[in-house]
Amino acid sequence: GRTFSRHVMGWFRQAPGNEREFVA
């Protein structure tokens, strides 16, 4: 839908009962 080659990308994770947290 668009290119992200000029932008930051990342990974987050969320375990049951926890808030979404930063990974990388």
mmCIF file of all heavy atoms, coordinates in Angstrom:
data_MODEL
# 
_entry.id   MODEL 
# 
loop_
_atom_site.group_PDB 
_atom_site.id 
_atom_site.type_symbol 
_atom_site.label_atom_id 
_atom_site.label_alt_id 
_atom_site.label_comp_id 
_atom_site.label_asym_id 
_atom_site.label_entity_id 
_atom_site.label_seq_id 
_atom_site.pdbx_PDB_ins_code 
_atom_site.Cartn_x 
_atom_site.Cartn_y 
_atom_site.Cartn_z 
_atom_site.occupancy 
_atom_site.B_iso_or_equiv 
_atom_site.pdbx_formal_charge 
_atom_site.auth_seq_id 
_atom_site.auth_comp_id 
_atom_site.auth_asym_id 
_atom_site.auth_atom_id 
_atom_site.pdbx_PDB_model_num 
ATOM 1   N N   . GLY A 1 1  ? 0.802  -1.217  0.000  1.00 0.00 ? 1  GLY A N   1 
ATOM 2   C CA  . GLY A 1 1  ? 0.000  0.000   0.000  1.00 0.00 ? 1  GLY A CA  1 
ATOM 3   C C   . GLY A 1 1  ? 0.834  1.266   0.000  1.00 0.00 ? 1  GLY A C   1 
ATOM 4   O O   . GLY A 1 1  ? 0.332  2.334   -0.356 1.00 0.00 ? 1  GLY A O   1 
ATOM 5   N N   . ARG A 1 2  ? 2.051  1.195   0.457  1.00 0.00 ? 2  ARG A N   1 
ATOM 6   C CA  . ARG A 1 2  ? 3.010  2.299   0.389  1.00 0.00 ? 2  ARG A CA  1 
ATOM 7   C C   . ARG A 1 2  ? 4.379  1.748   0.718  1.00 0.00 ? 2  ARG A C   1 
ATOM 8   O O   . ARG A 1 2  ? 4.514  0.679   1.320  1.00 0.00 ? 2  ARG A O   1 
ATOM 9   C CB  . ARG A 1 2  ? 2.647  3.438   1.348  1.00 0.00 ? 2  ARG A CB  1 
ATOM 10  C CG  . ARG A 1 2  ? 2.701  3.078   2.817  1.00 0.00 ? 2  ARG A CG  1 
ATOM 11  C CD  . ARG A 1 2  ? 2.650  4.316   3.690  1.00 0.00 ? 2  ARG A CD  1 
ATOM 12  N NE  . ARG A 1 2  ? 3.880  5.091   3.631  1.00 0.00 ? 2  ARG A NE  1 
ATOM 13  C CZ  . ARG A 1 2  ? 4.027  6.300   4.139  1.00 0.00 ? 2  ARG A CZ  1 
ATOM 14  N NH1 . ARG A 1 2  ? 3.003  6.900   4.711  1.00 0.00 ? 2  ARG A NH1 1 
ATOM 15  N NH2 . ARG A 1 2  ? 5.177  6.932   4.057  1.00 0.00 ? 2  ARG A NH2 1 
ATOM 16  N N   . THR A 1 3  ? 5.403  2.504   0.358  1.00 0.00 ? 3  THR A N   1 
ATOM 17  C CA  . THR A 1 3  ? 6.747  2.087   0.668  1.00 0.00 ? 3  THR A CA  1 
ATOM 18  C C   . THR A 1 3  ? 7.177  2.646   2.024  1.00 0.00 ? 3  THR A C   1 
ATOM 19  O O   . THR A 1 3  ? 6.829  3.768   2.386  1.00 0.00 ? 3  THR A O   1 
ATOM 20  C CB  . THR A 1 3  ? 7.745  2.546   -0.410 1.00 0.00 ? 3  THR A CB  1 
ATOM 21  O OG1 . THR A 1 3  ? 9.052  2.096   -0.033 1.00 0.00 ? 3  THR A OG1 1 
ATOM 22  C CG2 . THR A 1 3  ? 7.751  4.060   -0.535 1.00 0.00 ? 3  THR A CG2 1 
ATOM 23  N N   . PHE A 1 4  ? 7.928  1.839   2.760  1.00 0.00 ? 4  PHE A N   1 
ATOM 24  C CA  . PHE A 1 4  ? 8.460  2.274   4.047  1.00 0.00 ? 4  PHE A CA  1 
ATOM 25  C C   . PHE A 1 4  ? 9.973  2.350   4.024  1.00 0.00 ? 4  PHE A C   1 
ATOM 26  O O   . PHE A 1 4  ? 10.622 2.376   5.063  1.00 0.00 ? 4  PHE A O   1 
ATOM 27  C CB  . PHE A 1 4  ? 7.988  1.332   5.155  1.00 0.00 ? 4  PHE A CB  1 
ATOM 28  C CG  . PHE A 1 4  ? 6.526  1.451   5.455  1.00 0.00 ? 4  PHE A CG  1 
ATOM 29  C CD1 . PHE A 1 4  ? 5.618  0.525   4.969  1.00 0.00 ? 4  PHE A CD1 1 
ATOM 30  C CD2 . PHE A 1 4  ? 6.036  2.507   6.202  1.00 0.00 ? 4  PHE A CD2 1 
ATOM 31  C CE1 . PHE A 1 4  ? 4.265  0.641   5.224  1.00 0.00 ? 4  PHE A CE1 1 
ATOM 32  C CE2 . PHE A 1 4  ? 4.680  2.634   6.472  1.00 0.00 ? 4  PHE A CE2 1 
ATOM 33  C CZ  . PHE A 1 4  ? 3.801  1.703   5.974  1.00 0.00 ? 4  PHE A CZ  1 
ATOM 34  N N   . SER A 1 5  ? 10.545 2.396   2.838  1.00 0.00 ? 5  SER A N   1 
ATOM 35  C CA  . SER A 1 5  ? 12.000 2.374   2.711  1.00 0.00 ? 5  SER A CA  1 
ATOM 36  C C   . SER A 1 5  ? 12.665 3.596   3.339  1.00 0.00 ? 5  SER A C   1 
ATOM 37  O O   . SER A 1 5  ? 13.868 3.563   3.604  1.00 0.00 ? 5  SER A O   1 
ATOM 38  C CB  . SER A 1 5  ? 12.398 2.257   1.244  1.00 0.00 ? 5  SER A CB  1 
ATOM 39  O OG  . SER A 1 5  ? 11.904 3.373   0.516  1.00 0.00 ? 5  SER A OG  1 
ATOM 40  N N   . ARG A 1 6  ? 11.904 4.646   3.581  1.00 0.00 ? 6  ARG A N   1 
ATOM 41  C CA  . ARG A 1 6  ? 12.475 5.860   4.174  1.00 0.00 ? 6  ARG A CA  1 
ATOM 42  C C   . ARG A 1 6  ? 12.073 6.024   5.647  1.00 0.00 ? 6  ARG A C   1 
ATOM 43  O O   . ARG A 1 6  ? 12.364 7.070   6.246  1.00 0.00 ? 6  ARG A O   1 
ATOM 44  C CB  . ARG A 1 6  ? 12.028 7.092   3.385  1.00 0.00 ? 6  ARG A CB  1 
ATOM 45  C CG  . ARG A 1 6  ? 12.471 7.072   1.932  1.00 0.00 ? 6  ARG A CG  1 
ATOM 46  C CD  . ARG A 1 6  ? 12.056 8.351   1.228  1.00 0.00 ? 6  ARG A CD  1 
ATOM 47  N NE  . ARG A 1 6  ? 10.607 8.457   1.053  1.00 0.00 ? 6  ARG A NE  1 
ATOM 48  C CZ  . ARG A 1 6  ? 9.944  7.969   0.014  1.00 0.00 ? 6  ARG A CZ  1 
ATOM 49  N NH1 . ARG A 1 6  ? 10.591 7.327   -0.931 1.00 0.00 ? 6  ARG A NH1 1 
ATOM 50  N NH2 . ARG A 1 6  ? 8.648  8.123   -0.080 1.00 0.00 ? 6  ARG A NH2 1 
ATOM 51  N N   . HIS A 1 7  ? 11.462 5.001   6.210  1.00 0.00 ? 7  HIS A N   1 
ATOM 52  C CA  . HIS A 1 7  ? 10.877 5.122   7.552  1.00 0.00 ? 7  HIS A CA  1 
ATOM 53  C C   . HIS A 1 7  ? 11.330 4.012   8.496  1.00 0.00 ? 7  HIS A C   1 
ATOM 54  O O   . HIS A 1 7  ? 11.733 2.940   8.062  1.00 0.00 ? 7  HIS A O   1 
ATOM 55  C CB  . HIS A 1 7  ? 9.354  5.086   7.450  1.00 0.00 ? 7  HIS A CB  1 
ATOM 56  C CG  . HIS A 1 7  ? 8.794  6.219   6.655  1.00 0.00 ? 7  HIS A CG  1 
ATOM 57  N ND1 . HIS A 1 7  ? 8.432  7.427   7.219  1.00 0.00 ? 7  HIS A ND1 1 
ATOM 58  C CD2 . HIS A 1 7  ? 8.555  6.330   5.334  1.00 0.00 ? 7  HIS A CD2 1 
ATOM 59  C CE1 . HIS A 1 7  ? 7.995  8.225   6.262  1.00 0.00 ? 7  HIS A CE1 1 
ATOM 60  N NE2 . HIS A 1 7  ? 8.048  7.589   5.113  1.00 0.00 ? 7  HIS A NE2 1 
ATOM 61  N N   . VAL A 1 8  ? 11.192 4.301   9.782  1.00 0.00 ? 8  VAL A N   1 
ATOM 62  C CA  . VAL A 1 8  ? 11.489 3.315   10.817 1.00 0.00 ? 8  VAL A CA  1 
ATOM 63  C C   . VAL A 1 8  ? 10.428 2.212   10.812 1.00 0.00 ? 8  VAL A C   1 
ATOM 64  O O   . VAL A 1 8  ? 9.241  2.479   10.635 1.00 0.00 ? 8  VAL A O   1 
ATOM 65  C CB  . VAL A 1 8  ? 11.530 3.979   12.205 1.00 0.00 ? 8  VAL A CB  1 
ATOM 66  C CG1 . VAL A 1 8  ? 11.670 2.932   13.305 1.00 0.00 ? 8  VAL A CG1 1 
ATOM 67  C CG2 . VAL A 1 8  ? 12.662 4.987   12.274 1.00 0.00 ? 8  VAL A CG2 1 
ATOM 68  N N   . MET A 1 9  ? 10.877 0.985   11.037 1.00 0.00 ? 9  MET A N   1 
ATOM 69  C CA  . MET A 1 9  ? 9.973  -0.137  11.233 1.00 0.00 ? 9  MET A CA  1 
ATOM 70  C C   . MET A 1 9  ? 10.398 -0.885  12.491 1.00 0.00 ? 9  MET A C   1 
ATOM 71  O O   . MET A 1 9  ? 11.558 -0.822  12.897 1.00 0.00 ? 9  MET A O   1 
ATOM 72  C CB  . MET A 1 9  ? 9.968  -1.069  10.019 1.00 0.00 ? 9  MET A CB  1 
ATOM 73  C CG  . MET A 1 9  ? 9.506  -0.395  8.746  1.00 0.00 ? 9  MET A CG  1 
ATOM 74  S SD  . MET A 1 9  ? 9.301  -1.529  7.366  1.00 0.00 ? 9  MET A SD  1 
ATOM 75  C CE  . MET A 1 9  ? 7.750  -2.350  7.829  1.00 0.00 ? 9  MET A CE  1 
ATOM 76  N N   . GLY A 1 10 ? 9.454  -1.580  13.092 1.00 0.00 ? 10 GLY A N   1 
ATOM 77  C CA  . GLY A 1 10 ? 9.786  -2.242  14.346 1.00 0.00 ? 10 GLY A CA  1 
ATOM 78  C C   . GLY A 1 10 ? 8.920  -3.452  14.637 1.00 0.00 ? 10 GLY A C   1 
ATOM 79  O O   . GLY A 1 10 ? 7.998  -3.771  13.879 1.00 0.00 ? 10 GLY A O   1 
ATOM 80  N N   . TRP A 1 11 ? 9.271  -4.098  15.744 1.00 0.00 ? 11 TRP A N   1 
ATOM 81  C CA  . TRP A 1 11 ? 8.529  -5.250  16.232 1.00 0.00 ? 11 TRP A CA  1 
ATOM 82  C C   . TRP A 1 11 ? 8.159  -5.023  17.702 1.00 0.00 ? 11 TRP A C   1 
ATOM 83  O O   . TRP A 1 11 ? 8.987  -4.565  18.498 1.00 0.00 ? 11 TRP A O   1 
ATOM 84  C CB  . TRP A 1 11 ? 9.352  -6.529  16.126 1.00 0.00 ? 11 TRP A CB  1 
ATOM 85  C CG  . TRP A 1 11 ? 9.538  -7.012  14.729 1.00 0.00 ? 11 TRP A CG  1 
ATOM 86  C CD1 . TRP A 1 11 ? 10.581 -6.735  13.894 1.00 0.00 ? 11 TRP A CD1 1 
ATOM 87  C CD2 . TRP A 1 11 ? 8.674  -7.876  13.994 1.00 0.00 ? 11 TRP A CD2 1 
ATOM 88  N NE1 . TRP A 1 11 ? 10.396 -7.349  12.691 1.00 0.00 ? 11 TRP A NE1 1 
ATOM 89  C CE2 . TRP A 1 11 ? 9.235  -8.070  12.728 1.00 0.00 ? 11 TRP A CE2 1 
ATOM 90  C CE3 . TRP A 1 11 ? 7.455  -8.498  14.292 1.00 0.00 ? 11 TRP A CE3 1 
ATOM 91  C CZ2 . TRP A 1 11 ? 8.639  -8.867  11.749 1.00 0.00 ? 11 TRP A CZ2 1 
ATOM 92  C CZ3 . TRP A 1 11 ? 6.857  -9.287  13.325 1.00 0.00 ? 11 TRP A CZ3 1 
ATOM 93  C CH2 . TRP A 1 11 ? 7.450  -9.469  12.069 1.00 0.00 ? 11 TRP A CH2 1 
ATOM 94  N N   . PHE A 1 12 ? 6.941  -5.363  18.028 1.00 0.00 ? 12 PHE A N   1 
ATOM 95  C CA  . PHE A 1 12 ? 6.456  -5.342  19.400 1.00 0.00 ? 12 PHE A CA  1 
ATOM 96  C C   . PHE A 1 12 ? 5.861  -6.712  19.713 1.00 0.00 ? 12 PHE A C   1 
ATOM 97  O O   . PHE A 1 12 ? 5.631  -7.516  18.808 1.00 0.00 ? 12 PHE A O   1 
ATOM 98  C CB  . PHE A 1 12 ? 5.372  -4.264  19.571 1.00 0.00 ? 12 PHE A CB  1 
ATOM 99  C CG  . PHE A 1 12 ? 5.902  -2.863  19.539 1.00 0.00 ? 12 PHE A CG  1 
ATOM 100 C CD1 . PHE A 1 12 ? 6.355  -2.282  18.363 1.00 0.00 ? 12 PHE A CD1 1 
ATOM 101 C CD2 . PHE A 1 12 ? 5.956  -2.105  20.708 1.00 0.00 ? 12 PHE A CD2 1 
ATOM 102 C CE1 . PHE A 1 12 ? 6.852  -0.984  18.340 1.00 0.00 ? 12 PHE A CE1 1 
ATOM 103 C CE2 . PHE A 1 12 ? 6.445  -0.810  20.701 1.00 0.00 ? 12 PHE A CE2 1 
ATOM 104 C CZ  . PHE A 1 12 ? 6.887  -0.252  19.516 1.00 0.00 ? 12 PHE A CZ  1 
ATOM 105 N N   . ARG A 1 13 ? 5.605  -6.963  20.991 1.00 0.00 ? 13 ARG A N   1 
ATOM 106 C CA  . ARG A 1 13 ? 4.957  -8.209  21.375 1.00 0.00 ? 13 ARG A CA  1 
ATOM 107 C C   . ARG A 1 13 ? 4.014  -7.975  22.536 1.00 0.00 ? 13 ARG A C   1 
ATOM 108 O O   . ARG A 1 13 ? 4.178  -7.030  23.304 1.00 0.00 ? 13 ARG A O   1 
ATOM 109 C CB  . ARG A 1 13 ? 5.978  -9.287  21.722 1.00 0.00 ? 13 ARG A CB  1 
ATOM 110 C CG  . ARG A 1 13 ? 6.816  -8.991  22.945 1.00 0.00 ? 13 ARG A CG  1 
ATOM 111 C CD  . ARG A 1 13 ? 7.916  -10.050 23.102 1.00 0.00 ? 13 ARG A CD  1 
ATOM 112 N NE  . ARG A 1 13 ? 8.755  -9.804  24.268 1.00 0.00 ? 13 ARG A NE  1 
ATOM 113 C CZ  . ARG A 1 13 ? 9.862  -10.491 24.551 1.00 0.00 ? 13 ARG A CZ  1 
ATOM 114 N NH1 . ARG A 1 13 ? 10.256 -11.472 23.741 1.00 0.00 ? 13 ARG A NH1 1 
ATOM 115 N NH2 . ARG A 1 13 ? 10.546 -10.199 25.638 1.00 0.00 ? 13 ARG A NH2 1 
ATOM 116 N N   . GLN A 1 14 ? 3.042  -8.868  22.639 1.00 0.00 ? 14 GLN A N   1 
ATOM 117 C CA  . GLN A 1 14 ? 2.070  -8.760  23.721 1.00 0.00 ? 14 GLN A CA  1 
ATOM 118 C C   . GLN A 1 14 ? 1.703  -10.156 24.202 1.00 0.00 ? 14 GLN A C   1 
ATOM 119 O O   . GLN A 1 14 ? 1.190  -10.966 23.436 1.00 0.00 ? 14 GLN A O   1 
ATOM 120 C CB  . GLN A 1 14 ? 0.811  -8.020  23.243 1.00 0.00 ? 14 GLN A CB  1 
ATOM 121 C CG  . GLN A 1 14 ? -0.165 -7.702  24.359 1.00 0.00 ? 14 GLN A CG  1 
ATOM 122 C CD  . GLN A 1 14 ? -1.240 -6.721  23.909 1.00 0.00 ? 14 GLN A CD  1 
ATOM 123 O OE1 . GLN A 1 14 ? -1.469 -6.506  22.716 1.00 0.00 ? 14 GLN A OE1 1 
ATOM 124 N NE2 . GLN A 1 14 ? -1.890 -6.093  24.867 1.00 0.00 ? 14 GLN A NE2 1 
ATOM 125 N N   . ALA A 1 15 ? 1.988  -10.399 25.471 1.00 0.00 ? 15 ALA A N   1 
ATOM 126 C CA  . ALA A 1 15 ? 1.619  -11.650 26.111 1.00 0.00 ? 15 ALA A CA  1 
ATOM 127 C C   . ALA A 1 15 ? 0.268  -11.472 26.805 1.00 0.00 ? 15 ALA A C   1 
ATOM 128 O O   . ALA A 1 15 ? -0.111 -10.343 27.143 1.00 0.00 ? 15 ALA A O   1 
ATOM 129 C CB  . ALA A 1 15 ? 2.679  -12.065 27.116 1.00 0.00 ? 15 ALA A CB  1 
ATOM 130 N N   . PRO A 1 16 ? -0.471 -12.559 27.019 1.00 0.00 ? 16 PRO A N   1 
ATOM 131 C CA  . PRO A 1 16 ? -1.781 -12.442 27.676 1.00 0.00 ? 16 PRO A CA  1 
ATOM 132 C C   . PRO A 1 16 ? -1.687 -11.720 29.009 1.00 0.00 ? 16 PRO A C   1 
ATOM 133 O O   . PRO A 1 16 ? -0.825 -12.030 29.837 1.00 0.00 ? 16 PRO A O   1 
ATOM 134 C CB  . PRO A 1 16 ? -2.195 -13.910 27.864 1.00 0.00 ? 16 PRO A CB  1 
ATOM 135 C CG  . PRO A 1 16 ? -1.495 -14.632 26.780 1.00 0.00 ? 16 PRO A CG  1 
ATOM 136 C CD  . PRO A 1 16 ? -0.176 -13.938 26.618 1.00 0.00 ? 16 PRO A CD  1 
ATOM 137 N N   . GLY A 1 17 ? -2.553 -10.730 29.197 1.00 0.00 ? 17 GLY A N   1 
ATOM 138 C CA  . GLY A 1 17 ? -2.581 -9.978  30.438 1.00 0.00 ? 17 GLY A CA  1 
ATOM 139 C C   . GLY A 1 17 ? -1.557 -8.876  30.539 1.00 0.00 ? 17 GLY A C   1 
ATOM 140 O O   . GLY A 1 17 ? -1.523 -8.160  31.543 1.00 0.00 ? 17 GLY A O   1 
ATOM 141 N N   . ASN A 1 18 ? -0.714 -8.762  29.515 1.00 0.00 ? 18 ASN A N   1 
ATOM 142 C CA  . ASN A 1 18 ? 0.332  -7.733  29.540 1.00 0.00 ? 18 ASN A CA  1 
ATOM 143 C C   . ASN A 1 18 ? 0.075  -6.665  28.496 1.00 0.00 ? 18 ASN A C   1 
ATOM 144 O O   . ASN A 1 18 ? -0.658 -6.873  27.538 1.00 0.00 ? 18 ASN A O   1 
ATOM 145 C CB  . ASN A 1 18 ? 1.700  -8.367  29.280 1.00 0.00 ? 18 ASN A CB  1 
ATOM 146 C CG  . ASN A 1 18 ? 2.166  -9.255  30.406 1.00 0.00 ? 18 ASN A CG  1 
ATOM 147 O OD1 . ASN A 1 18 ? 1.529  -9.313  31.466 1.00 0.00 ? 18 ASN A OD1 1 
ATOM 148 N ND2 . ASN A 1 18 ? 3.251  -9.962  30.187 1.00 0.00 ? 18 ASN A ND2 1 
ATOM 149 N N   . GLU A 1 19 ? 0.721  -5.532  28.683 1.00 0.00 ? 19 GLU A N   1 
ATOM 150 C CA  . GLU A 1 19 ? 0.660  -4.486  27.676 1.00 0.00 ? 19 GLU A CA  1 
ATOM 151 C C   . GLU A 1 19 ? 1.592  -4.843  26.512 1.00 0.00 ? 19 GLU A C   1 
ATOM 152 O O   . GLU A 1 19 ? 2.528  -5.623  26.662 1.00 0.00 ? 19 GLU A O   1 
ATOM 153 C CB  . GLU A 1 19 ? 1.070  -3.148  28.284 1.00 0.00 ? 19 GLU A CB  1 
ATOM 154 C CG  . GLU A 1 19 ? 0.098  -2.625  29.333 1.00 0.00 ? 19 GLU A CG  1 
ATOM 155 C CD  . GLU A 1 19 ? 0.473  -1.232  29.806 1.00 0.00 ? 19 GLU A CD  1 
ATOM 156 O OE1 . GLU A 1 19 ? 1.571  -0.759  29.452 1.00 0.00 ? 19 GLU A OE1 1 
ATOM 157 O OE2 . GLU A 1 19 ? -0.328 -0.619  30.532 1.00 0.00 ? 19 GLU A OE2 1 
ATOM 158 N N   . ARG A 1 20 ? 1.312  -4.234  25.378 1.00 0.00 ? 20 ARG A N   1 
ATOM 159 C CA  . ARG A 1 20 ? 2.192  -4.414  24.231 1.00 0.00 ? 20 ARG A CA  1 
ATOM 160 C C   . ARG A 1 20 ? 3.540  -3.771  24.544 1.00 0.00 ? 20 ARG A C   1 
ATOM 161 O O   . ARG A 1 20 ? 3.603  -2.617  25.008 1.00 0.00 ? 20 ARG A O   1 
ATOM 162 C CB  . ARG A 1 20 ? 1.573  -3.789  22.983 1.00 0.00 ? 20 ARG A CB  1 
ATOM 163 C CG  . ARG A 1 20 ? 2.261  -4.152  21.696 1.00 0.00 ? 20 ARG A CG  1 
ATOM 164 C CD  . ARG A 1 20 ? 1.439  -3.734  20.488 1.00 0.00 ? 20 ARG A CD  1 
ATOM 165 N NE  . ARG A 1 20 ? 0.141  -4.400  20.460 1.00 0.00 ? 20 ARG A NE  1 
ATOM 166 C CZ  . ARG A 1 20 ? -0.697 -4.321  19.429 1.00 0.00 ? 20 ARG A CZ  1 
ATOM 167 N NH1 . ARG A 1 20 ? -0.384 -3.609  18.358 1.00 0.00 ? 20 ARG A NH1 1 
ATOM 168 N NH2 . ARG A 1 20 ? -1.865 -4.948  19.471 1.00 0.00 ? 20 ARG A NH2 1 
ATOM 169 N N   . GLU A 1 21 ? 4.612  -4.497  24.291 1.00 0.00 ? 21 GLU A N   1 
ATOM 170 C CA  . GLU A 1 21 ? 5.941  -3.993  24.622 1.00 0.00 ? 21 GLU A CA  1 
ATOM 171 C C   . GLU A 1 21 ? 6.858  -3.998  23.408 1.00 0.00 ? 21 GLU A C   1 
ATOM 172 O O   . GLU A 1 21 ? 6.733  -4.810  22.498 1.00 0.00 ? 21 GLU A O   1 
ATOM 173 C CB  . GLU A 1 21 ? 6.572  -4.840  25.742 1.00 0.00 ? 21 GLU A CB  1 
ATOM 174 C CG  . GLU A 1 21 ? 6.879  -6.268  25.363 1.00 0.00 ? 21 GLU A CG  1 
ATOM 175 C CD  . GLU A 1 21 ? 7.695  -6.999  26.432 1.00 0.00 ? 21 GLU A CD  1 
ATOM 176 O OE1 . GLU A 1 21 ? 8.039  -6.402  27.466 1.00 0.00 ? 21 GLU A OE1 1 
ATOM 177 O OE2 . GLU A 1 21 ? 7.995  -8.191  26.208 1.00 0.00 ? 21 GLU A OE2 1 
ATOM 178 N N   . PHE A 1 22 ? 7.801  -3.083  23.453 1.00 0.00 ? 22 PHE A N   1 
ATOM 179 C CA  . PHE A 1 22 ? 8.786  -2.935  22.397 1.00 0.00 ? 22 PHE A CA  1 
ATOM 180 C C   . PHE A 1 22 ? 9.735  -4.126  22.389 1.00 0.00 ? 22 PHE A C   1 
ATOM 181 O O   . PHE A 1 22 ? 10.164 -4.605  23.444 1.00 0.00 ? 22 PHE A O   1 
ATOM 182 C CB  . PHE A 1 22 ? 9.566  -1.637  22.619 1.00 0.00 ? 22 PHE A CB  1 
ATOM 183 C CG  . PHE A 1 22 ? 10.748 -1.464  21.717 1.00 0.00 ? 22 PHE A CG  1 
ATOM 184 C CD1 . PHE A 1 22 ? 10.572 -1.084  20.396 1.00 0.00 ? 22 PHE A CD1 1 
ATOM 185 C CD2 . PHE A 1 22 ? 12.024 -1.681  22.186 1.00 0.00 ? 22 PHE A CD2 1 
ATOM 186 C CE1 . PHE A 1 22 ? 11.661 -0.920  19.561 1.00 0.00 ? 22 PHE A CE1 1 
ATOM 187 C CE2 . PHE A 1 22 ? 13.120 -1.514  21.365 1.00 0.00 ? 22 PHE A CE2 1 
ATOM 188 C CZ  . PHE A 1 22 ? 12.942 -1.133  20.049 1.00 0.00 ? 22 PHE A CZ  1 
ATOM 189 N N   . VAL A 1 23 ? 10.089 -4.580  21.178 1.00 0.00 ? 23 VAL A N   1 
ATOM 190 C CA  . VAL A 1 23 ? 11.075 -5.645  21.039 1.00 0.00 ? 23 VAL A CA  1 
ATOM 191 C C   . VAL A 1 23 ? 12.305 -5.137  20.298 1.00 0.00 ? 23 VAL A C   1 
ATOM 192 O O   . VAL A 1 23 ? 13.423 -5.221  20.799 1.00 0.00 ? 23 VAL A O   1 
ATOM 193 C CB  . VAL A 1 23 ? 10.484 -6.860  20.282 1.00 0.00 ? 23 VAL A CB  1 
ATOM 194 C CG1 . VAL A 1 23 ? 11.562 -7.922  20.074 1.00 0.00 ? 23 VAL A CG1 1 
ATOM 195 C CG2 . VAL A 1 23 ? 9.305  -7.441  21.041 1.00 0.00 ? 23 VAL A CG2 1 
ATOM 196 N N   . ALA A 1 24 ? 12.101 -4.601  19.102 1.00 0.00 ? 24 ALA A N   1 
ATOM 197 C CA  . ALA A 1 24 ? 13.229 -4.151  18.283 1.00 0.00 ? 24 ALA A CA  1 
ATOM 198 C C   . ALA A 1 24 ? 12.732 -3.177  17.233 1.00 0.00 ? 24 ALA A C   1 
ATOM 199 O O   . ALA A 1 24 ? 11.562 -3.199  16.856 1.00 0.00 ? 24 ALA A O   1 
ATOM 200 C CB  . ALA A 1 24 ? 13.918 -5.337  17.616 1.00 0.00 ? 24 ALA A CB  1 
# 
